[in-house]
Amino acid sequence: ETLKWRSTYKPEEIRWHEVAHEGETGKVSKANF
């Protein structure tokens, strides 16, 4: 089911410029620690 989901959703192909507007406030981010 995951392989099927990944073949259609293609999470590895998402690029930052596509989702950057969602992260403008820092609601989710990768920590520097």
PDB file of all heavy atoms in Angstrom:
ATOM      1  N   GLU A   1       0.833  -1.202   0.000  1.00  0.00           N
ATOM      2  CA  GLU A   1       0.000   0.000   0.000  1.00  0.00           C
ATOM      3  C   GLU A   1       0.869   1.254   0.000  1.00  0.00           C
ATOM      4  O   GLU A   1       0.537   2.256  -0.644  1.00  0.00           O
ATOM      5  CB  GLU A   1      -0.933  -0.017   1.211  1.00  0.00           C
ATOM      6  CG  GLU A   1      -2.060  -1.036   1.085  1.00  0.00           C
ATOM      7  CD  GLU A   1      -2.895  -1.157   2.346  1.00  0.00           C
ATOM      8  OE1 GLU A   1      -2.515  -0.545   3.385  1.00  0.00           O
ATOM      9  OE2 GLU A   1      -3.922  -1.861   2.323  1.00  0.00           O
ATOM     10  N   THR A   2       2.001   1.210   0.707  1.00  0.00           N
ATOM     11  CA  THR A   2       2.915   2.343   0.706  1.00  0.00           C
ATOM     12  C   THR A   2       3.535   2.543  -0.673  1.00  0.00           C
ATOM     13  O   THR A   2       3.626   3.664  -1.168  1.00  0.00           O
ATOM     14  CB  THR A   2       4.031   2.144   1.754  1.00  0.00           C
ATOM     15  OG1 THR A   2       3.483   2.239   3.064  1.00  0.00           O
ATOM     16  CG2 THR A   2       5.119   3.219   1.611  1.00  0.00           C
ATOM     17  N   LEU A   3       3.960   1.455  -1.305  1.00  0.00           N
ATOM     18  CA  LEU A   3       4.559   1.561  -2.634  1.00  0.00           C
ATOM     19  C   LEU A   3       3.556   2.136  -3.640  1.00  0.00           C
ATOM     20  O   LEU A   3       3.922   2.939  -4.509  1.00  0.00           O
ATOM     21  CB  LEU A   3       5.063   0.191  -3.100  1.00  0.00           C
ATOM     22  CG  LEU A   3       6.250  -0.385  -2.311  1.00  0.00           C
ATOM     23  CD1 LEU A   3       6.585  -1.781  -2.808  1.00  0.00           C
ATOM     24  CD2 LEU A   3       7.462   0.530  -2.404  1.00  0.00           C
ATOM     25  N   LYS A   4       2.305   1.746  -3.493  1.00  0.00           N
ATOM     26  CA  LYS A   4       1.262   2.294  -4.361  1.00  0.00           C
ATOM     27  C   LYS A   4       1.067   3.782  -4.086  1.00  0.00           C
ATOM     28  O   LYS A   4       0.953   4.591  -5.011  1.00  0.00           O
ATOM     29  CB  LYS A   4      -0.054   1.533  -4.129  1.00  0.00           C
ATOM     30  CG  LYS A   4      -1.199   2.017  -5.008  1.00  0.00           C
ATOM     31  CD  LYS A   4      -2.474   1.213  -4.735  1.00  0.00           C
ATOM     32  CE  LYS A   4      -3.627   1.722  -5.598  1.00  0.00           C
ATOM     33  NZ  LYS A   4      -4.880   0.963  -5.318  1.00  0.00           N
ATOM     34  N   TRP A   5       1.045   4.141  -2.813  1.00  0.00           N
ATOM     35  CA  TRP A   5       0.886   5.560  -2.432  1.00  0.00           C
ATOM     36  C   TRP A   5       2.057   6.382  -2.957  1.00  0.00           C
ATOM     37  O   TRP A   5       1.858   7.458  -3.530  1.00  0.00           O
ATOM     38  CB  TRP A   5       0.795   5.671  -0.916  1.00  0.00           C
ATOM     39  CG  TRP A   5       0.768   7.075  -0.400  1.00  0.00           C
ATOM     40  CD1 TRP A   5      -0.296   7.943  -0.422  1.00  0.00           C
ATOM     41  CD2 TRP A   5       1.843   7.796   0.216  1.00  0.00           C
ATOM     42  NE1 TRP A   5       0.054   9.143   0.151  1.00  0.00           N
ATOM     43  CE2 TRP A   5       1.358   9.087   0.547  1.00  0.00           C
ATOM     44  CE3 TRP A   5       3.159   7.467   0.528  1.00  0.00           C
ATOM     45  CZ2 TRP A   5       2.149  10.048   1.174  1.00  0.00           C
ATOM     46  CZ3 TRP A   5       3.961   8.429   1.148  1.00  0.00           C
ATOM     47  CH2 TRP A   5       3.456   9.700   1.465  1.00  0.00           C
ATOM     48  N   ARG A   6       3.267   5.886  -2.797  1.00  0.00           N
ATOM     49  CA  ARG A   6       4.439   6.632  -3.238  1.00  0.00           C
ATOM     50  C   ARG A   6       4.471   6.783  -4.760  1.00  0.00           C
ATOM     51  O   ARG A   6       4.966   7.788  -5.276  1.00  0.00           O
ATOM     52  CB  ARG A   6       5.725   5.959  -2.744  1.00  0.00           C
ATOM     53  CG  ARG A   6       5.905   6.003  -1.236  1.00  0.00           C
ATOM     54  CD  ARG A   6       7.255   5.442  -0.813  1.00  0.00           C
ATOM     55  NE  ARG A   6       8.332   6.335  -1.208  1.00  0.00           N
ATOM     56  CZ  ARG A   6       8.791   7.334  -0.456  1.00  0.00           C
ATOM     57  NH1 ARG A   6       8.268   7.575   0.749  1.00  0.00           N
ATOM     58  NH2 ARG A   6       9.780   8.112  -0.891  1.00  0.00           N
ATOM     59  N   SER A   7       3.932   5.800  -5.478  1.00  0.00           N
ATOM     60  CA  SER A   7       3.942   5.871  -6.945  1.00  0.00           C
ATOM     61  C   SER A   7       2.991   6.943  -7.466  1.00  0.00           C
ATOM     62  O   SER A   7       3.179   7.463  -8.568  1.00  0.00           O
ATOM     63  CB  SER A   7       3.575   4.514  -7.542  1.00  0.00           C
ATOM     64  OG  SER A   7       2.202   4.218  -7.346  1.00  0.00           O
ATOM     65  N   THR A   8       1.970   7.290  -6.673  1.00  0.00           N
ATOM     66  CA  THR A   8       1.008   8.304  -7.107  1.00  0.00           C
ATOM     67  C   THR A   8       1.247   9.665  -6.436  1.00  0.00           C
ATOM     68  O   THR A   8       1.198  10.702  -7.089  1.00  0.00           O
ATOM     69  CB  THR A   8      -0.433   7.848  -6.819  1.00  0.00           C
ATOM     70  OG1 THR A   8      -0.559   7.519  -5.426  1.00  0.00           O
ATOM     71  CG2 THR A   8      -0.790   6.625  -7.654  1.00  0.00           C
ATOM     72  N   TYR A   9       1.555   9.641  -5.148  1.00  0.00           N
ATOM     73  CA  TYR A   9       1.782  10.900  -4.408  1.00  0.00           C
ATOM     74  C   TYR A   9       3.165  11.470  -4.695  1.00  0.00           C
ATOM     75  O   TYR A   9       3.364  12.684  -4.678  1.00  0.00           O
ATOM     76  CB  TYR A   9       1.626  10.640  -2.908  1.00  0.00           C
ATOM     77  CG  TYR A   9       1.416  11.898  -2.093  1.00  0.00           C
ATOM     78  CD1 TYR A   9       0.168  12.497  -2.026  1.00  0.00           C
ATOM     79  CD2 TYR A   9       2.466  12.474  -1.386  1.00  0.00           C
ATOM     80  CE1 TYR A   9      -0.041  13.646  -1.274  1.00  0.00           C
ATOM     81  CE2 TYR A   9       2.274  13.615  -0.639  1.00  0.00           C
ATOM     82  CZ  TYR A   9       1.022  14.199  -0.577  1.00  0.00           C
ATOM     83  OH  TYR A   9       0.831  15.343   0.160  1.00  0.00           O
ATOM     84  N   LYS A  10       4.130  10.590  -4.981  1.00  0.00           N
ATOM     85  CA  LYS A  10       5.503  10.962  -5.314  1.00  0.00           C
ATOM     86  C   LYS A  10       6.127  11.913  -4.285  1.00  0.00           C
ATOM     87  O   LYS A  10       6.551  13.023  -4.622  1.00  0.00           O
ATOM     88  CB  LYS A  10       5.566  11.579  -6.718  1.00  0.00           C
ATOM     89  CG  LYS A  10       5.057  10.669  -7.822  1.00  0.00           C
ATOM     90  CD  LYS A  10       5.239  11.299  -9.181  1.00  0.00           C
ATOM     91  CE  LYS A  10       4.618  10.436 -10.273  1.00  0.00           C
ATOM     92  NZ  LYS A  10       5.210   9.112 -10.353  1.00  0.00           N
ATOM     93  N   PRO A  11       6.207  11.501  -3.025  1.00  0.00           N
ATOM     94  CA  PRO A  11       6.736  12.390  -1.985  1.00  0.00           C
ATOM     95  C   PRO A  11       8.179  12.807  -2.225  1.00  0.00           C
ATOM     96  O   PRO A  11       8.578  13.914  -1.844  1.00  0.00           O
ATOM     97  CB  PRO A  11       6.618  11.538  -0.706  1.00  0.00           C
ATOM     98  CG  PRO A  11       6.603  10.132  -1.177  1.00  0.00           C
ATOM     99  CD  PRO A  11       5.872  10.157  -2.482  1.00  0.00           C
ATOM    100  N   GLU A  12       8.971  11.938  -2.882  1.00  0.00           N
ATOM    101  CA  GLU A  12      10.374  12.263  -3.121  1.00  0.00           C
ATOM    102  C   GLU A  12      10.558  13.327  -4.196  1.00  0.00           C
ATOM    103  O   GLU A  12      11.653  13.866  -4.366  1.00  0.00           O
ATOM    104  CB  GLU A  12      11.155  10.991  -3.507  1.00  0.00           C
ATOM    105  CG  GLU A  12      10.900  10.453  -4.890  1.00  0.00           C
ATOM    106  CD  GLU A  12       9.623   9.618  -4.990  1.00  0.00           C
ATOM    107  OE1 GLU A  12       8.856   9.544  -4.004  1.00  0.00           O
ATOM    108  OE2 GLU A  12       9.383   9.028  -6.057  1.00  0.00           O
ATOM    109  N   GLU A  13       9.480  13.672  -4.910  1.00  0.00           N
ATOM    110  CA  GLU A  13       9.568  14.678  -5.956  1.00  0.00           C
ATOM    111  C   GLU A  13       9.050  16.047  -5.520  1.00  0.00           C
ATOM    112  O   GLU A  13       9.127  17.016  -6.273  1.00  0.00           O
ATOM    113  CB  GLU A  13       8.804  14.218  -7.203  1.00  0.00           C
ATOM    114  CG  GLU A  13       9.449  13.039  -7.900  1.00  0.00           C
ATOM    115  CD  GLU A  13       8.815  12.743  -9.246  1.00  0.00           C
ATOM    116  OE1 GLU A  13       8.127  13.632  -9.796  1.00  0.00           O
ATOM    117  OE2 GLU A  13       9.007  11.621  -9.757  1.00  0.00           O
ATOM    118  N   ILE A  14       8.531  16.128  -4.311  1.00  0.00           N
ATOM    119  CA  ILE A  14       8.074  17.434  -3.815  1.00  0.00           C
ATOM    120  C   ILE A  14       9.296  18.328  -3.624  1.00  0.00           C
ATOM    121  O   ILE A  14      10.316  17.898  -3.084  1.00  0.00           O
ATOM    122  CB  ILE A  14       7.319  17.288  -2.475  1.00  0.00           C
ATOM    123  CG1 ILE A  14       6.137  16.339  -2.618  1.00  0.00           C
ATOM    124  CG2 ILE A  14       6.829  18.659  -1.999  1.00  0.00           C
ATOM    125  CD1 ILE A  14       5.445  16.012  -1.301  1.00  0.00           C
ATOM    126  N   ARG A  15       9.193  19.571  -4.049  1.00  0.00           N
ATOM    127  CA  ARG A  15      10.285  20.521  -3.896  1.00  0.00           C
ATOM    128  C   ARG A  15       9.849  21.676  -2.991  1.00  0.00           C
ATOM    129  O   ARG A  15       8.674  22.012  -2.909  1.00  0.00           O
ATOM    130  CB  ARG A  15      10.738  21.054  -5.265  1.00  0.00           C
ATOM    131  CG  ARG A  15      11.400  19.986  -6.119  1.00  0.00           C
ATOM    132  CD  ARG A  15      12.733  19.550  -5.486  1.00  0.00           C
ATOM    133  NE  ARG A  15      13.307  18.392  -6.158  1.00  0.00           N
ATOM    134  CZ  ARG A  15      13.121  17.143  -5.774  1.00  0.00           C
ATOM    135  NH1 ARG A  15      12.331  16.866  -4.740  1.00  0.00           N
ATOM    136  NH2 ARG A  15      13.698  16.148  -6.417  1.00  0.00           N
ATOM    137  N   TRP A  16      10.839  22.251  -2.338  1.00  0.00           N
ATOM    138  CA  TRP A  16      10.555  23.282  -1.344  1.00  0.00           C
ATOM    139  C   TRP A  16       9.731  24.428  -1.915  1.00  0.00           C
ATOM    140  O   TRP A  16       8.815  24.933  -1.257  1.00  0.00           O
ATOM    141  CB  TRP A  16      11.851  23.814  -0.738  1.00  0.00           C
ATOM    142  CG  TRP A  16      11.622  24.949   0.221  1.00  0.00           C
ATOM    143  CD1 TRP A  16      11.984  26.260   0.068  1.00  0.00           C
ATOM    144  CD2 TRP A  16      10.947  24.885   1.486  1.00  0.00           C
ATOM    145  NE1 TRP A  16      11.589  27.009   1.151  1.00  0.00           N
ATOM    146  CE2 TRP A  16      10.950  26.186   2.044  1.00  0.00           C
ATOM    147  CE3 TRP A  16      10.341  23.851   2.199  1.00  0.00           C
ATOM    148  CZ2 TRP A  16      10.371  26.479   3.274  1.00  0.00           C
ATOM    149  CZ3 TRP A  16       9.767  24.141   3.437  1.00  0.00           C
ATOM    150  CH2 TRP A  16       9.787  25.440   3.963  1.00  0.00           C
ATOM    151  N   HIS A  17      10.031  24.844  -3.132  1.00  0.00           N
ATOM    152  CA  HIS A  17       9.302  25.990  -3.675  1.00  0.00           C
ATOM    153  C   HIS A  17       7.802  25.700  -3.815  1.00  0.00           C
ATOM    154  O   HIS A  17       6.992  26.620  -3.880  1.00  0.00           O
ATOM    155  CB  HIS A  17       9.892  26.413  -5.032  1.00  0.00           C
ATOM    156  CG  HIS A  17       9.530  25.509  -6.165  1.00  0.00           C
ATOM    157  ND1 HIS A  17      10.212  24.340  -6.439  1.00  0.00           N
ATOM    158  CD2 HIS A  17       8.543  25.593  -7.090  1.00  0.00           C
ATOM    159  CE1 HIS A  17       9.668  23.758  -7.497  1.00  0.00           C
ATOM    160  NE2 HIS A  17       8.645  24.488  -7.912  1.00  0.00           N
ATOM    161  N   GLU A  18       7.432  24.420  -3.838  1.00  0.00           N
ATOM    162  CA  GLU A  18       6.021  24.048  -3.936  1.00  0.00           C
ATOM    163  C   GLU A  18       5.287  24.186  -2.605  1.00  0.00           C
ATOM    164  O   GLU A  18       4.071  24.350  -2.576  1.00  0.00           O
ATOM    165  CB  GLU A  18       5.888  22.607  -4.427  1.00  0.00           C
ATOM    166  CG  GLU A  18       6.511  22.317  -5.782  1.00  0.00           C
ATOM    167  CD  GLU A  18       6.474  20.829  -6.092  1.00  0.00           C
ATOM    168  OE1 GLU A  18       5.412  20.200  -5.898  1.00  0.00           O
ATOM    169  OE2 GLU A  18       7.504  20.285  -6.516  1.00  0.00           O
ATOM    170  N   VAL A  19       6.024  24.089  -1.513  1.00  0.00           N
ATOM    171  CA  VAL A  19       5.389  24.084  -0.188  1.00  0.00           C
ATOM    172  C   VAL A  19       5.892  25.218   0.701  1.00  0.00           C
ATOM    173  O   VAL A  19       5.473  25.335   1.857  1.00  0.00           O
ATOM    174  CB  VAL A  19       5.619  22.735   0.524  1.00  0.00           C
ATOM    175  CG1 VAL A  19       4.953  21.600  -0.244  1.00  0.00           C
ATOM    176  CG2 VAL A  19       7.107  22.450   0.715  1.00  0.00           C
ATOM    177  N   ALA A  20       6.777  26.051   0.172  1.00  0.00           N
ATOM    178  CA  ALA A  20       7.413  27.098   0.984  1.00  0.00           C
ATOM    179  C   ALA A  20       6.400  28.032   1.637  1.00  0.00           C
ATOM    180  O   ALA A  20       6.598  28.494   2.768  1.00  0.00           O
ATOM    181  CB  ALA A  20       8.393  27.900   0.127  1.00  0.00           C
ATOM    182  N   HIS A  21       5.299  28.312   0.939  1.00  0.00           N
ATOM    183  CA  HIS A  21       4.294  29.221   1.495  1.00  0.00           C
ATOM    184  C   HIS A  21       3.679  28.657   2.770  1.00  0.00           C
ATOM    185  O   HIS A  21       3.268  29.408   3.658  1.00  0.00           O
ATOM    186  CB  HIS A  21       3.195  29.501   0.464  1.00  0.00           C
ATOM    187  CG  HIS A  21       2.417  28.288   0.057  1.00  0.00           C
ATOM    188  ND1 HIS A  21       2.926  27.316  -0.780  1.00  0.00           N
ATOM    189  CD2 HIS A  21       1.164  27.868   0.389  1.00  0.00           C
ATOM    190  CE1 HIS A  21       2.032  26.361  -0.965  1.00  0.00           C
ATOM    191  NE2 HIS A  21       0.952  26.657  -0.257  1.00  0.00           N
ATOM    192  N   GLU A  22       3.641  27.323   2.866  1.00  0.00           N
ATOM    193  CA  GLU A  22       3.116  26.698   4.077  1.00  0.00           C
ATOM    194  C   GLU A  22       4.071  26.888   5.258  1.00  0.00           C
ATOM    195  O   GLU A  22       3.647  26.861   6.418  1.00  0.00           O
ATOM    196  CB  GLU A  22       2.890  25.201   3.847  1.00  0.00           C
ATOM    197  CG  GLU A  22       1.754  24.855   2.900  1.00  0.00           C
ATOM    198  CD  GLU A  22       0.381  25.051   3.527  1.00  0.00           C
ATOM    199  OE1 GLU A  22       0.301  25.222   4.754  1.00  0.00           O
ATOM    200  OE2 GLU A  22      -0.612  25.037   2.771  1.00  0.00           O
ATOM    201  N   GLY A  23       5.348  27.058   4.948  1.00  0.00           N
ATOM    202  CA  GLY A  23       6.341  27.155   6.018  1.00  0.00           C
ATOM    203  C   GLY A  23       6.762  28.558   6.390  1.00  0.00           C
ATOM    204  O   GLY A  23       7.717  28.728   7.150  1.00  0.00           O
ATOM    205  N   GLU A  24       6.061  29.569   5.873  1.00  0.00           N
ATOM    206  CA  GLU A  24       6.479  30.947   6.102  1.00  0.00           C
ATOM    207  C   GLU A  24       6.548  31.326   7.573  1.00  0.00           C
ATOM    208  O   GLU A  24       7.378  32.145   7.979  1.00  0.00           O
ATOM    209  CB  GLU A  24       5.541  31.907   5.357  1.00  0.00           C
ATOM    210  CG  GLU A  24       5.747  31.888   3.848  1.00  0.00           C
ATOM    211  CD  GLU A  24       4.789  32.821   3.126  1.00  0.00           C
ATOM    212  OE1 GLU A  24       3.892  33.387   3.800  1.00  0.00           O
ATOM    213  OE2 GLU A  24       4.935  32.982   1.903  1.00  0.00           O
ATOM    214  N   THR A  25       5.689  30.761   8.392  1.00  0.00           N
ATOM    215  CA  THR A  25       5.658  31.115   9.819  1.00  0.00           C
ATOM    216  C   THR A  25       6.489  30.165  10.678  1.00  0.00           C
ATOM    217  O   THR A  25       6.602  30.370  11.888  1.00  0.00           O
ATOM    218  CB  THR A  25       4.206  31.104  10.344  1.00  0.00           C
ATOM    219  OG1 THR A  25       3.649  29.786  10.152  1.00  0.00           O
ATOM    220  CG2 THR A  25       3.348  32.117   9.604  1.00  0.00           C
ATOM    221  N   GLY A  26       7.032  29.124  10.059  1.00  0.00           N
ATOM    222  CA  GLY A  26       7.811  28.167  10.820  1.00  0.00           C
ATOM    223  C   GLY A  26       6.963  27.201  11.621  1.00  0.00           C
ATOM    224  O   GLY A  26       7.397  26.679  12.648  1.00  0.00           O
ATOM    225  N   LYS A  27       5.752  26.913  11.119  1.00  0.00           N
ATOM    226  CA  LYS A  27       4.865  26.019  11.878  1.00  0.00           C
ATOM    227  C   LYS A  27       5.406  24.593  11.935  1.00  0.00           C
ATOM    228  O   LYS A  27       5.123  23.851  12.875  1.00  0.00           O
ATOM    229  CB  LYS A  27       3.456  26.028  11.280  1.00  0.00           C
ATOM    230  CG  LYS A  27       3.355  25.494   9.856  1.00  0.00           C
ATOM    231  CD  LYS A  27       1.943  25.670   9.317  1.00  0.00           C
ATOM    232  CE  LYS A  27       1.838  25.212   7.873  1.00  0.00           C
ATOM    233  NZ  LYS A  27       0.526  25.539   7.292  1.00  0.00           N
ATOM    234  N   VAL A  28       6.175  24.198  10.927  1.00  0.00           N
ATOM    235  CA  VAL A  28       6.903  22.928  10.961  1.00  0.00           C
ATOM    236  C   VAL A  28       8.269  23.183  10.319  1.00  0.00           C
ATOM    237  O   VAL A  28       8.353  23.750   9.235  1.00  0.00           O
ATOM    238  CB  VAL A  28       6.193  21.801  10.179  1.00  0.00           C
ATOM    239  CG1 VAL A  28       6.950  20.482  10.379  1.00  0.00           C
ATOM    240  CG2 VAL A  28       4.749  21.648  10.601  1.00  0.00           C
ATOM    241  N   SER A  29       9.320  22.763  11.003  1.00  0.00           N
ATOM    242  CA  SER A  29      10.657  22.960  10.458  1.00  0.00           C
ATOM    243  C   SER A  29      11.605  21.911  11.012  1.00  0.00           C
ATOM    244  O   SER A  29      11.324  21.282  12.034  1.00  0.00           O
ATOM    245  CB  SER A  29      11.186  24.363  10.789  1.00  0.00           C
ATOM    246  OG  SER A  29      11.285  24.544  12.201  1.00  0.00           O
ATOM    247  N   LYS A  30      12.701  21.734  10.316  1.00  0.00           N
ATOM    248  CA  LYS A  30      13.741  20.828  10.798  1.00  0.00           C
ATOM    249  C   LYS A  30      14.652  21.609  11.722  1.00  0.00           C
ATOM    250  O   LYS A  30      15.132  22.694  11.374  1.00  0.00           O
ATOM    251  CB  LYS A  30      14.530  20.256   9.615  1.00  0.00           C
ATOM    252  CG  LYS A  30      15.578  19.231  10.002  1.00  0.00           C
ATOM    253  CD  LYS A  30      16.254  18.643   8.780  1.00  0.00           C
ATOM    254  CE  LYS A  30      17.072  19.694   8.050  1.00  0.00           C
ATOM    255  NZ  LYS A  30      17.829  19.123   6.914  1.00  0.00           N
ATOM    256  N   ALA A  31      14.890  21.084  12.914  1.00  0.00           N
ATOM    257  CA  ALA A  31      15.713  21.776  13.898  1.00  0.00           C
ATOM    258  C   ALA A  31      17.186  21.789  13.481  1.00  0.00           C
ATOM    259  O   ALA A  31      17.635  20.938  12.712  1.00  0.00           O
ATOM    260  CB  ALA A  31      15.566  21.109  15.267  1.00  0.00           C
ATOM    261  N   ASN A  32      17.934  22.776  14.004  1.00  0.00           N
ATOM    262  CA  ASN A  32      19.370  22.835  13.730  1.00  0.00           C
ATOM    263  C   ASN A  32      20.171  22.122  14.818  1.00  0.00           C
ATOM    264  O   ASN A  32      21.363  22.350  14.979  1.00  0.00           O
ATOM    265  CB  ASN A  32      19.832  24.296  13.603  1.00  0.00           C
ATOM    266  CG  ASN A  32      19.597  25.094  14.880  1.00  0.00           C
ATOM    267  OD1 ASN A  32      19.045  24.568  15.860  1.00  0.00           O
ATOM    268  ND2 ASN A  32      20.011  26.344  14.882  1.00  0.00           N
ATOM    269  N   PHE A  33      19.486  21.273  15.578  1.00  0.00           N
ATOM    270  CA  PHE A  33      20.146  20.461  16.592  1.00  0.00           C
ATOM    271  C   PHE A  33      19.575  19.047  16.519  1.00  0.00           C
ATOM    272  O   PHE A  33      18.579  18.802  15.831  1.00  0.00           O
ATOM    273  CB  PHE A  33      19.932  21.051  17.997  1.00  0.00           C
ATOM    274  CG  PHE A  33      18.490  21.125  18.415  1.00  0.00           C
ATOM    275  CD1 PHE A  33      17.886  20.086  19.122  1.00  0.00           C
ATOM    276  CD2 PHE A  33      17.704  22.231  18.097  1.00  0.00           C
ATOM    277  CE1 PHE A  33      16.547  20.142  19.499  1.00  0.00           C
ATOM    278  CE2 PHE A  33      16.372  22.305  18.471  1.00  0.00           C
ATOM    279  CZ  PHE A  33      15.790  21.255  19.174  1.00  0.00           C
TER     280      PHE A  33
END
